[in-house]
Amino acid sequence: METIAAIVDCAVATGLGFHLARLWAPTAVWALLIGVVSGGICAVAYFGTTVLAGELMPHALDAGKIGFWFLMLIFAAPVCGALGGFAGYRRAPPLNPF
């Protein structure tokens, strides 16, 4: 269950980075930064939701697996978010200067 949640978290980080960078990024560097921040937010949200689920349903989740996947997500989610942010920036229509 923890593994599936981590994979879904990376997908959410990619989609969130894509959407936010498409809306707000004026340059490619900003798109990457927006993606990294959205990935970090998703990693922290994963940790919070799995800890909450572990507290509400005792013995349903393994604390070691939660910690392992959180450590992996600290590095993987910002990378996925940055890739999504860059892709969103590349797909965005040009900004209207007027």
PDB file of N, CA and C in Angstrom:
ATOM      1  N   MET A   1       0.824  -1.187   0.000  1.00  0.00           N
ATOM      2  CA  MET A   1       0.000   0.000   0.000  1.00  0.00           C
ATOM      3  C   MET A   1       0.875   1.261   0.000  1.00  0.00           C
ATOM      4  N   GLU A   2       1.978   1.204   0.752  1.00  0.00           N
ATOM      5  CA  GLU A   2       2.870   2.359   0.803  1.00  0.00           C
ATOM      6  C   GLU A   2       3.526   2.611  -0.552  1.00  0.00           C
ATOM      7  N   THR A   3       3.852   1.525  -1.247  1.00  0.00           N
ATOM      8  CA  THR A   3       4.496   1.646  -2.559  1.00  0.00           C
ATOM      9  C   THR A   3       3.552   2.282  -3.573  1.00  0.00           C
ATOM     10  N   ILE A   4       2.318   1.849  -3.596  1.00  0.00           N
ATOM     11  CA  ILE A   4       1.329   2.407  -4.524  1.00  0.00           C
ATOM     12  C   ILE A   4       1.106   3.883  -4.222  1.00  0.00           C
ATOM     13  N   ALA A   5       1.036   4.221  -2.942  1.00  0.00           N
ATOM     14  CA  ALA A   5       0.849   5.632  -2.565  1.00  0.00           C
ATOM     15  C   ALA A   5       2.041   6.480  -3.004  1.00  0.00           C
ATOM     16  N   ALA A   6       3.259   5.930  -2.935  1.00  0.00           N
ATOM     17  CA  ALA A   6       4.435   6.679  -3.371  1.00  0.00           C
ATOM     18  C   ALA A   6       4.430   6.893  -4.885  1.00  0.00           C
ATOM     19  N   ILE A   7       3.998   5.906  -5.635  1.00  0.00           N
ATOM     20  CA  ILE A   7       3.914   6.040  -7.095  1.00  0.00           C
ATOM     21  C   ILE A   7       2.850   7.071  -7.467  1.00  0.00           C
ATOM     22  N   VAL A   8       1.719   7.019  -6.791  1.00  0.00           N
ATOM     23  CA  VAL A   8       0.665   8.010  -7.030  1.00  0.00           C
ATOM     24  C   VAL A   8       1.153   9.404  -6.662  1.00  0.00           C
ATOM     25  N   ASP A   9       1.933   9.509  -5.600  1.00  0.00           N
ATOM     26  CA  ASP A   9       2.477  10.797  -5.185  1.00  0.00           C
ATOM     27  C   ASP A   9       3.394  11.378  -6.260  1.00  0.00           C
ATOM     28  N   CYS A  10       4.224  10.561  -6.875  1.00  0.00           N
ATOM     29  CA  CYS A  10       5.088  11.053  -7.962  1.00  0.00           C
ATOM     30  C   CYS A  10       4.255  11.508  -9.162  1.00  0.00           C
ATOM     31  N   ALA A  11       3.196  10.777  -9.450  1.00  0.00           N
ATOM     32  CA  ALA A  11       2.323  11.183 -10.554  1.00  0.00           C
ATOM     33  C   ALA A  11       1.621  12.509 -10.236  1.00  0.00           C
ATOM     34  N   VAL A  12       1.191  12.678  -9.004  1.00  0.00           N
ATOM     35  CA  VAL A  12       0.553  13.933  -8.598  1.00  0.00           C
ATOM     36  C   VAL A  12       1.551  15.082  -8.655  1.00  0.00           C
ATOM     37  N   ALA A  13       2.799  14.829  -8.235  1.00  0.00           N
ATOM     38  CA  ALA A  13       3.826  15.871  -8.290  1.00  0.00           C
ATOM     39  C   ALA A  13       4.091  16.289  -9.728  1.00  0.00           C
ATOM     40  N   THR A  14       4.119  15.334 -10.641  1.00  0.00           N
ATOM     41  CA  THR A  14       4.320  15.658 -12.050  1.00  0.00           C
ATOM     42  C   THR A  14       3.158  16.483 -12.590  1.00  0.00           C
ATOM     43  N   GLY A  15       1.940  16.058 -12.298  1.00  0.00           N
ATOM     44  CA  GLY A  15       0.770  16.793 -12.778  1.00  0.00           C
ATOM     45  C   GLY A  15       0.651  18.177 -12.168  1.00  0.00           C
ATOM     46  N   LEU A  16       0.953  18.291 -10.880  1.00  0.00           N
ATOM     47  CA  LEU A  16       0.885  19.595 -10.221  1.00  0.00           C
ATOM     48  C   LEU A  16       1.945  20.538 -10.768  1.00  0.00           C
ATOM     49  N   GLY A  17       3.157  20.030 -10.963  1.00  0.00           N
ATOM     50  CA  GLY A  17       4.208  20.848 -11.555  1.00  0.00           C
ATOM     51  C   GLY A  17       3.854  21.288 -12.967  1.00  0.00           C
ATOM     52  N   PHE A  18       3.268  20.384 -13.739  1.00  0.00           N
ATOM     53  CA  PHE A  18       2.848  20.712 -15.103  1.00  0.00           C
ATOM     54  C   PHE A  18       1.816  21.835 -15.092  1.00  0.00           C
ATOM     55  N   HIS A  19       0.812  21.679 -14.257  1.00  0.00           N
ATOM     56  CA  HIS A  19      -0.279  22.654 -14.236  1.00  0.00           C
ATOM     57  C   HIS A  19       0.173  24.016 -13.715  1.00  0.00           C
ATOM     58  N   LEU A  20       0.911  24.026 -12.614  1.00  0.00           N
ATOM     59  CA  LEU A  20       1.332  25.303 -12.034  1.00  0.00           C
ATOM     60  C   LEU A  20       2.341  26.025 -12.920  1.00  0.00           C
ATOM     61  N   ALA A  21       3.264  25.290 -13.501  1.00  0.00           N
ATOM     62  CA  ALA A  21       4.249  25.937 -14.376  1.00  0.00           C
ATOM     63  C   ALA A  21       3.589  26.450 -15.649  1.00  0.00           C
ATOM     64  N   ARG A  22       2.598  25.746 -16.114  1.00  0.00           N
ATOM     65  CA  ARG A  22       1.889  26.211 -17.310  1.00  0.00           C
ATOM     66  C   ARG A  22       1.168  27.519 -17.043  1.00  0.00           C
ATOM     67  N   LEU A  23       0.687  27.685 -15.827  1.00  0.00           N
ATOM     68  CA  LEU A  23      -0.038  28.907 -15.483  1.00  0.00           C
ATOM     69  C   LEU A  23       0.878  30.063 -15.102  1.00  0.00           C
ATOM     70  N   TRP A  24       1.955  29.790 -14.337  1.00  0.00           N
ATOM     71  CA  TRP A  24       2.680  30.867 -13.682  1.00  0.00           C
ATOM     72  C   TRP A  24       4.113  31.082 -14.120  1.00  0.00           C
ATOM     73  N   ALA A  25       4.735  30.157 -14.827  1.00  0.00           N
ATOM     74  CA  ALA A  25       6.174  30.260 -15.074  1.00  0.00           C
ATOM     75  C   ALA A  25       6.495  31.210 -16.225  1.00  0.00           C
ATOM     76  N   PRO A  26       7.246  32.294 -15.959  1.00  0.00           N
ATOM     77  CA  PRO A  26       7.640  33.192 -17.043  1.00  0.00           C
ATOM     78  C   PRO A  26       8.868  32.690 -17.805  1.00  0.00           C
ATOM     79  N   THR A  27       9.732  31.891 -17.143  1.00  0.00           N
ATOM     80  CA  THR A  27      10.922  31.339 -17.793  1.00  0.00           C
ATOM     81  C   THR A  27      11.049  29.862 -17.429  1.00  0.00           C
ATOM     82  N   ALA A  28      11.979  29.188 -18.102  1.00  0.00           N
ATOM     83  CA  ALA A  28      12.181  27.761 -17.850  1.00  0.00           C
ATOM     84  C   ALA A  28      12.747  27.512 -16.455  1.00  0.00           C
ATOM     85  N   VAL A  29      13.587  28.418 -15.975  1.00  0.00           N
ATOM     86  CA  VAL A  29      14.148  28.251 -14.630  1.00  0.00           C
ATOM     87  C   VAL A  29      13.045  28.331 -13.578  1.00  0.00           C
ATOM     88  N   TRP A  30      12.140  29.272 -13.749  1.00  0.00           N
ATOM     89  CA  TRP A  30      11.013  29.368 -12.826  1.00  0.00           C
ATOM     90  C   TRP A  30      10.129  28.132 -12.911  1.00  0.00           C
ATOM     91  N   ALA A  31       9.975  27.579 -14.099  1.00  0.00           N
ATOM     92  CA  ALA A  31       9.182  26.360 -14.254  1.00  0.00           C
ATOM     93  C   ALA A  31       9.805  25.206 -13.472  1.00  0.00           C
ATOM     94  N   LEU A  32      11.136  25.088 -13.531  1.00  0.00           N
ATOM     95  CA  LEU A  32      11.809  24.041 -12.773  1.00  0.00           C
ATOM     96  C   LEU A  32      11.664  24.261 -11.273  1.00  0.00           C
ATOM     97  N   LEU A  33      11.796  25.506 -10.823  1.00  0.00           N
ATOM     98  CA  LEU A  33      11.656  25.790  -9.397  1.00  0.00           C
ATOM     99  C   LEU A  33      10.234  25.525  -8.903  1.00  0.00           C
ATOM    100  N   ILE A  34       9.263  25.896  -9.705  1.00  0.00           N
ATOM    101  CA  ILE A  34       7.870  25.622  -9.344  1.00  0.00           C
ATOM    102  C   ILE A  34       7.644  24.116  -9.239  1.00  0.00           C
ATOM    103  N   GLY A  35       8.216  23.363 -10.168  1.00  0.00           N
ATOM    104  CA  GLY A  35       8.091  21.910 -10.132  1.00  0.00           C
ATOM    105  C   GLY A  35       8.765  21.287  -8.925  1.00  0.00           C
ATOM    106  N   VAL A  36       9.943  21.785  -8.560  1.00  0.00           N
ATOM    107  CA  VAL A  36      10.652  21.258  -7.392  1.00  0.00           C
ATOM    108  C   VAL A  36       9.854  21.525  -6.119  1.00  0.00           C
ATOM    109  N   VAL A  37       9.319  22.707  -5.994  1.00  0.00           N
ATOM    110  CA  VAL A  37       8.528  23.040  -4.797  1.00  0.00           C
ATOM    111  C   VAL A  37       7.248  22.201  -4.745  1.00  0.00           C
ATOM    112  N   SER A  38       6.592  22.019  -5.878  1.00  0.00           N
ATOM    113  CA  SER A  38       5.373  21.209  -5.868  1.00  0.00           C
ATOM    114  C   SER A  38       5.688  19.750  -5.530  1.00  0.00           C
ATOM    115  N   GLY A  39       6.829  19.249  -5.989  1.00  0.00           N
ATOM    116  CA  GLY A  39       7.234  17.892  -5.613  1.00  0.00           C
ATOM    117  C   GLY A  39       7.527  17.769  -4.131  1.00  0.00           C
ATOM    118  N   GLY A  40       8.171  18.772  -3.553  1.00  0.00           N
ATOM    119  CA  GLY A  40       8.424  18.757  -2.115  1.00  0.00           C
ATOM    120  C   GLY A  40       7.148  18.798  -1.302  1.00  0.00           C
ATOM    121  N   ILE A  41       6.207  19.593  -1.754  1.00  0.00           N
ATOM    122  CA  ILE A  41       4.909  19.658  -1.069  1.00  0.00           C
ATOM    123  C   ILE A  41       4.202  18.311  -1.143  1.00  0.00           C
ATOM    124  N   CYS A  42       4.277  17.661  -2.275  1.00  0.00           N
ATOM    125  CA  CYS A  42       3.646  16.343  -2.421  1.00  0.00           C
ATOM    126  C   CYS A  42       4.324  15.300  -1.541  1.00  0.00           C
ATOM    127  N   ALA A  43       5.648  15.364  -1.390  1.00  0.00           N
ATOM    128  CA  ALA A  43       6.355  14.421  -0.524  1.00  0.00           C
ATOM    129  C   ALA A  43       5.934  14.605   0.932  1.00  0.00           C
ATOM    130  N   VAL A  44       5.819  15.845   1.372  1.00  0.00           N
ATOM    131  CA  VAL A  44       5.385  16.104   2.748  1.00  0.00           C
ATOM    132  C   VAL A  44       3.926  15.675   2.934  1.00  0.00           C
ATOM    133  N   ALA A  45       3.093  15.884   1.911  1.00  0.00           N
ATOM    134  CA  ALA A  45       1.693  15.451   1.990  1.00  0.00           C
ATOM    135  C   ALA A  45       1.608  13.919   2.083  1.00  0.00           C
ATOM    136  N   TYR A  46       2.480  13.210   1.354  1.00  0.00           N
ATOM    137  CA  TYR A  46       2.527  11.744   1.456  1.00  0.00           C
ATOM    138  C   TYR A  46       2.831  11.324   2.883  1.00  0.00           C
ATOM    139  N   PHE A  47       3.840  11.942   3.464  1.00  0.00           N
ATOM    140  CA  PHE A  47       4.226  11.582   4.821  1.00  0.00           C
ATOM    141  C   PHE A  47       3.085  11.853   5.794  1.00  0.00           C
ATOM    142  N   GLY A  48       2.467  13.012   5.662  1.00  0.00           N
ATOM    143  CA  GLY A  48       1.373  13.351   6.559  1.00  0.00           C
ATOM    144  C   GLY A  48       0.184  12.421   6.438  1.00  0.00           C
ATOM    145  N   THR A  49      -0.190  12.088   5.218  1.00  0.00           N
ATOM    146  CA  THR A  49      -1.352  11.215   5.046  1.00  0.00           C
ATOM    147  C   THR A  49      -1.069   9.780   5.474  1.00  0.00           C
ATOM    148  N   THR A  50       0.144   9.282   5.245  1.00  0.00           N
ATOM    149  CA  THR A  50       0.441   7.918   5.679  1.00  0.00           C
ATOM    150  C   THR A  50       0.558   7.827   7.198  1.00  0.00           C
ATOM    151  N   VAL A  51       1.111   8.843   7.831  1.00  0.00           N
ATOM    152  CA  VAL A  51       1.170   8.839   9.294  1.00  0.00           C
ATOM    153  C   VAL A  51      -0.239   8.942   9.872  1.00  0.00           C
ATOM    154  N   LEU A  52      -1.069   9.776   9.281  1.00  0.00           N
ATOM    155  CA  LEU A  52      -2.454   9.882   9.750  1.00  0.00           C
ATOM    156  C   LEU A  52      -3.195   8.556   9.565  1.00  0.00           C
ATOM    157  N   ALA A  53      -3.013   7.907   8.413  1.00  0.00           N
ATOM    158  CA  ALA A  53      -3.657   6.610   8.189  1.00  0.00           C
ATOM    159  C   ALA A  53      -3.131   5.565   9.163  1.00  0.00           C
ATOM    160  N   GLY A  54      -1.839   5.629   9.477  1.00  0.00           N
ATOM    161  CA  GLY A  54      -1.283   4.699  10.453  1.00  0.00           C
ATOM    162  C   GLY A  54      -1.830   4.911  11.853  1.00  0.00           C
ATOM    163  N   GLU A  55      -2.106   6.160  12.187  1.00  0.00           N
ATOM    164  CA  GLU A  55      -2.686   6.445  13.504  1.00  0.00           C
ATOM    165  C   GLU A  55      -4.158   6.039  13.574  1.00  0.00           C
ATOM    166  N   LEU A  56      -4.885   6.250  12.480  1.00  0.00           N
ATOM    167  CA  LEU A  56      -6.315   5.931  12.487  1.00  0.00           C
ATOM    168  C   LEU A  56      -6.579   4.438  12.343  1.00  0.00           C
ATOM    169  N   MET A  57      -5.664   3.717  11.670  1.00  0.00           N
ATOM    170  CA  MET A  57      -5.819   2.269  11.473  1.00  0.00           C
ATOM    171  C   MET A  57      -4.561   1.564  11.987  1.00  0.00           C
ATOM    172  N   PRO A  58      -4.510   1.290  13.273  1.00  0.00           N
ATOM    173  CA  PRO A  58      -3.303   0.663  13.820  1.00  0.00           C
ATOM    174  C   PRO A  58      -3.012  -0.683  13.163  1.00  0.00           C
ATOM    175  N   HIS A  59      -1.746  -0.980  12.964  1.00  0.00           N
ATOM    176  CA  HIS A  59      -1.236  -2.222  12.396  1.00  0.00           C
ATOM    177  C   HIS A  59      -1.605  -2.417  10.929  1.00  0.00           C
ATOM    178  N   ALA A  60      -2.061  -1.372  10.247  1.00  0.00           N
ATOM    179  CA  ALA A  60      -2.383  -1.489   8.822  1.00  0.00           C
ATOM    180  C   ALA A  60      -1.181  -1.154   7.945  1.00  0.00           C
ATOM    181  N   LEU A  61      -0.318  -0.262   8.407  1.00  0.00           N
ATOM    182  CA  LEU A  61       0.842   0.164   7.635  1.00  0.00           C
ATOM    183  C   LEU A  61       2.127  -0.160   8.386  1.00  0.00           C
ATOM    184  N   ASP A  62       3.202  -0.360   7.643  1.00  0.00           N
ATOM    185  CA  ASP A  62       4.502  -0.632   8.236  1.00  0.00           C
ATOM    186  C   ASP A  62       5.294   0.666   8.324  1.00  0.00           C
ATOM    187  N   ALA A  63       5.713   1.030   9.511  1.00  0.00           N
ATOM    188  CA  ALA A  63       6.437   2.291   9.711  1.00  0.00           C
ATOM    189  C   ALA A  63       7.760   2.300   8.965  1.00  0.00           C
ATOM    190  N   GLY A  64       8.414   1.173   8.858  1.00  0.00           N
ATOM    191  CA  GLY A  64       9.683   1.105   8.120  1.00  0.00           C
ATOM    192  C   GLY A  64       9.498   1.399   6.639  1.00  0.00           C
ATOM    193  N   LYS A  65       8.436   0.863   6.055  1.00  0.00           N
ATOM    194  CA  LYS A  65       8.156   1.130   4.644  1.00  0.00           C
ATOM    195  C   LYS A  65       7.763   2.590   4.417  1.00  0.00           C
ATOM    196  N   ILE A  66       7.011   3.160   5.340  1.00  0.00           N
ATOM    197  CA  ILE A  66       6.650   4.575   5.218  1.00  0.00           C
ATOM    198  C   ILE A  66       7.906   5.431   5.232  1.00  0.00           C
ATOM    199  N   GLY A  67       8.811   5.153   6.146  1.00  0.00           N
ATOM    200  CA  GLY A  67      10.052   5.905   6.215  1.00  0.00           C
ATOM    201  C   GLY A  67      10.919   5.720   4.985  1.00  0.00           C
ATOM    202  N   PHE A  68      11.017   4.481   4.485  1.00  0.00           N
ATOM    203  CA  PHE A  68      11.810   4.215   3.289  1.00  0.00           C
ATOM    204  C   PHE A  68      11.257   4.965   2.085  1.00  0.00           C
ATOM    205  N   TRP A  69       9.948   4.878   1.867  1.00  0.00           N
ATOM    206  CA  TRP A  69       9.367   5.545   0.697  1.00  0.00           C
ATOM    207  C   TRP A  69       9.367   7.063   0.844  1.00  0.00           C
ATOM    208  N   PHE A  70       9.271   7.556   2.070  1.00  0.00           N
ATOM    209  CA  PHE A  70       9.389   8.996   2.267  1.00  0.00           C
ATOM    210  C   PHE A  70      10.794   9.471   1.921  1.00  0.00           C
ATOM    211  N   LEU A  71      11.813   8.723   2.315  1.00  0.00           N
ATOM    212  CA  LEU A  71      13.187   9.085   1.942  1.00  0.00           C
ATOM    213  C   LEU A  71      13.381   9.049   0.431  1.00  0.00           C
ATOM    214  N   MET A  72      12.785   8.080  -0.229  1.00  0.00           N
ATOM    215  CA  MET A  72      12.871   8.029  -1.688  1.00  0.00           C
ATOM    216  C   MET A  72      12.128   9.211  -2.317  1.00  0.00           C
ATOM    217  N   LEU A  73      10.989   9.560  -1.746  1.00  0.00           N
ATOM    218  CA  LEU A  73      10.188  10.653  -2.295  1.00  0.00           C
ATOM    219  C   LEU A  73      10.813  12.020  -2.067  1.00  0.00           C
ATOM    220  N   ILE A  74      11.643  12.150  -1.038  1.00  0.00           N
ATOM    221  CA  ILE A  74      12.309  13.426  -0.821  1.00  0.00           C
ATOM    222  C   ILE A  74      13.145  13.788  -2.048  1.00  0.00           C
ATOM    223  N   PHE A  75      13.706  12.781  -2.701  1.00  0.00           N
ATOM    224  CA  PHE A  75      14.515  13.020  -3.895  1.00  0.00           C
ATOM    225  C   PHE A  75      13.722  12.858  -5.184  1.00  0.00           C
ATOM    226  N   ALA A  76      12.820  11.881  -5.241  1.00  0.00           N
ATOM    227  CA  ALA A  76      12.136  11.565  -6.494  1.00  0.00           C
ATOM    228  C   ALA A  76      10.999  12.540  -6.816  1.00  0.00           C
ATOM    229  N   ALA A  77      10.223  12.948  -5.830  1.00  0.00           N
ATOM    230  CA  ALA A  77       9.071  13.815  -6.096  1.00  0.00           C
ATOM    231  C   ALA A  77       9.486  15.185  -6.638  1.00  0.00           C
ATOM    232  N   PRO A  78      10.513  15.850  -6.096  1.00  0.00           N
ATOM    233  CA  PRO A  78      10.929  17.117  -6.705  1.00  0.00           C
ATOM    234  C   PRO A  78      11.452  16.956  -8.138  1.00  0.00           C
ATOM    235  N   VAL A  79      12.104  15.833  -8.413  1.00  0.00           N
ATOM    236  CA  VAL A  79      12.564  15.596  -9.789  1.00  0.00           C
ATOM    237  C   VAL A  79      11.371  15.399 -10.717  1.00  0.00           C
ATOM    238  N   CYS A  80      10.395  14.611 -10.283  1.00  0.00           N
ATOM    239  CA  CYS A  80       9.183  14.420 -11.098  1.00  0.00           C
ATOM    240  C   CYS A  80       8.435  15.736 -11.282  1.00  0.00           C
ATOM    241  N   GLY A  81       8.340  16.525 -10.222  1.00  0.00           N
ATOM    242  CA  GLY A  81       7.681  17.818 -10.324  1.00  0.00           C
ATOM    243  C   GLY A  81       8.412  18.765 -11.260  1.00  0.00           C
ATOM    244  N   ALA A  82       9.763  18.744 -11.223  1.00  0.00           N
ATOM    245  CA  ALA A  82      10.548  19.604 -12.112  1.00  0.00           C
ATOM    246  C   ALA A  82      10.371  19.184 -13.571  1.00  0.00           C
ATOM    247  N   LEU A  83      10.322  17.884 -13.823  1.00  0.00           N
ATOM    248  CA  LEU A  83      10.084  17.421 -15.193  1.00  0.00           C
ATOM    249  C   LEU A  83       8.694  17.822 -15.675  1.00  0.00           C
ATOM    250  N   GLY A  84       7.714  17.686 -14.794  1.00  0.00           N
ATOM    251  CA  GLY A  84       6.367  18.128 -15.147  1.00  0.00           C
ATOM    252  C   GLY A  84       6.293  19.629 -15.344  1.00  0.00           C
ATOM    253  N   GLY A  85       7.006  20.385 -14.501  1.00  0.00           N
ATOM    254  CA  GLY A  85       7.023  21.845 -14.644  1.00  0.00           C
ATOM    255  C   GLY A  85       7.649  22.287 -15.954  1.00  0.00           C
ATOM    256  N   PHE A  86       8.743  21.646 -16.325  1.00  0.00           N
ATOM    257  CA  PHE A  86       9.388  22.005 -17.585  1.00  0.00           C
ATOM    258  C   PHE A  86       8.500  21.646 -18.770  1.00  0.00           C
ATOM    259  N   ALA A  87       7.844  20.486 -18.694  1.00  0.00           N
ATOM    260  CA  ALA A  87       6.928  20.106 -19.778  1.00  0.00           C
ATOM    261  C   ALA A  87       5.746  21.063 -19.852  1.00  0.00           C
ATOM    262  N   GLY A  88       5.242  21.502 -18.694  1.00  0.00           N
ATOM    263  CA  GLY A  88       4.148  22.465 -18.686  1.00  0.00           C
ATOM    264  C   GLY A  88       4.569  23.805 -19.249  1.00  0.00           C
ATOM    265  N   TYR A  89       5.796  24.214 -18.962  1.00  0.00           N
ATOM    266  CA  TYR A  89       6.299  25.476 -19.509  1.00  0.00           C
ATOM    267  C   TYR A  89       6.430  25.382 -21.020  1.00  0.00           C
ATOM    268  N   ARG A  90       6.875  24.254 -21.506  1.00  0.00           N
ATOM    269  CA  ARG A  90       7.056  24.091 -22.960  1.00  0.00           C
ATOM    270  C   ARG A  90       5.697  24.032 -23.674  1.00  0.00           C
ATOM    271  N   ARG A  91       4.654  23.599 -23.002  1.00  0.00           N
ATOM    272  CA  ARG A  91       3.326  23.473 -23.620  1.00  0.00           C
ATOM    273  C   ARG A  91       2.474  24.732 -23.449  1.00  0.00           C
ATOM    274  N   ALA A  92       2.943  25.671 -22.654  1.00  0.00           N
ATOM    275  CA  ALA A  92       2.148  26.871 -22.371  1.00  0.00           C
ATOM    276  C   ALA A  92       2.119  27.799 -23.577  1.00  0.00           C
ATOM    277  N   PRO A  93       1.002  28.463 -23.787  1.00  0.00           N
ATOM    278  CA  PRO A  93       0.962  29.455 -24.867  1.00  0.00           C
ATOM    279  C   PRO A  93       1.842  30.650 -24.500  1.00  0.00           C
ATOM    280  N   PRO A  94       2.352  31.355 -25.474  1.00  0.00           N
ATOM    281  CA  PRO A  94       3.205  32.516 -25.151  1.00  0.00           C
ATOM    282  C   PRO A  94       2.411  33.579 -24.394  1.00  0.00           C
ATOM    283  N   LEU A  95       3.127  34.273 -23.507  1.00  0.00           N
ATOM    284  CA  LEU A  95       2.482  35.315 -22.714  1.00  0.00           C
ATOM    285  C   LEU A  95       2.172  36.525 -23.584  1.00  0.00           C
ATOM    286  N   ASN A  96       1.028  37.106 -23.384  1.00  0.00           N
ATOM    287  CA  ASN A  96       0.633  38.287 -24.126  1.00  0.00           C
ATOM    288  C   ASN A  96       1.264  39.510 -23.469  1.00  0.00           C
ATOM    289  N   PRO A  97       2.109  40.257 -24.147  1.00  0.00           N
ATOM    290  CA  PRO A  97       2.757  41.407 -23.500  1.00  0.00           C
ATOM    291  C   PRO A  97       1.825  42.580 -23.287  1.00  0.00           C
ATOM    292  N   PHE A  98       0.652  42.568 -23.877  1.00  0.00           N
ATOM    293  CA  PHE A  98      -0.261  43.714 -23.753  1.00  0.00           C
ATOM    294  C   PHE A  98      -1.409  43.377 -22.879  1.00  0.00           C
TER     295      PHE A  98
END
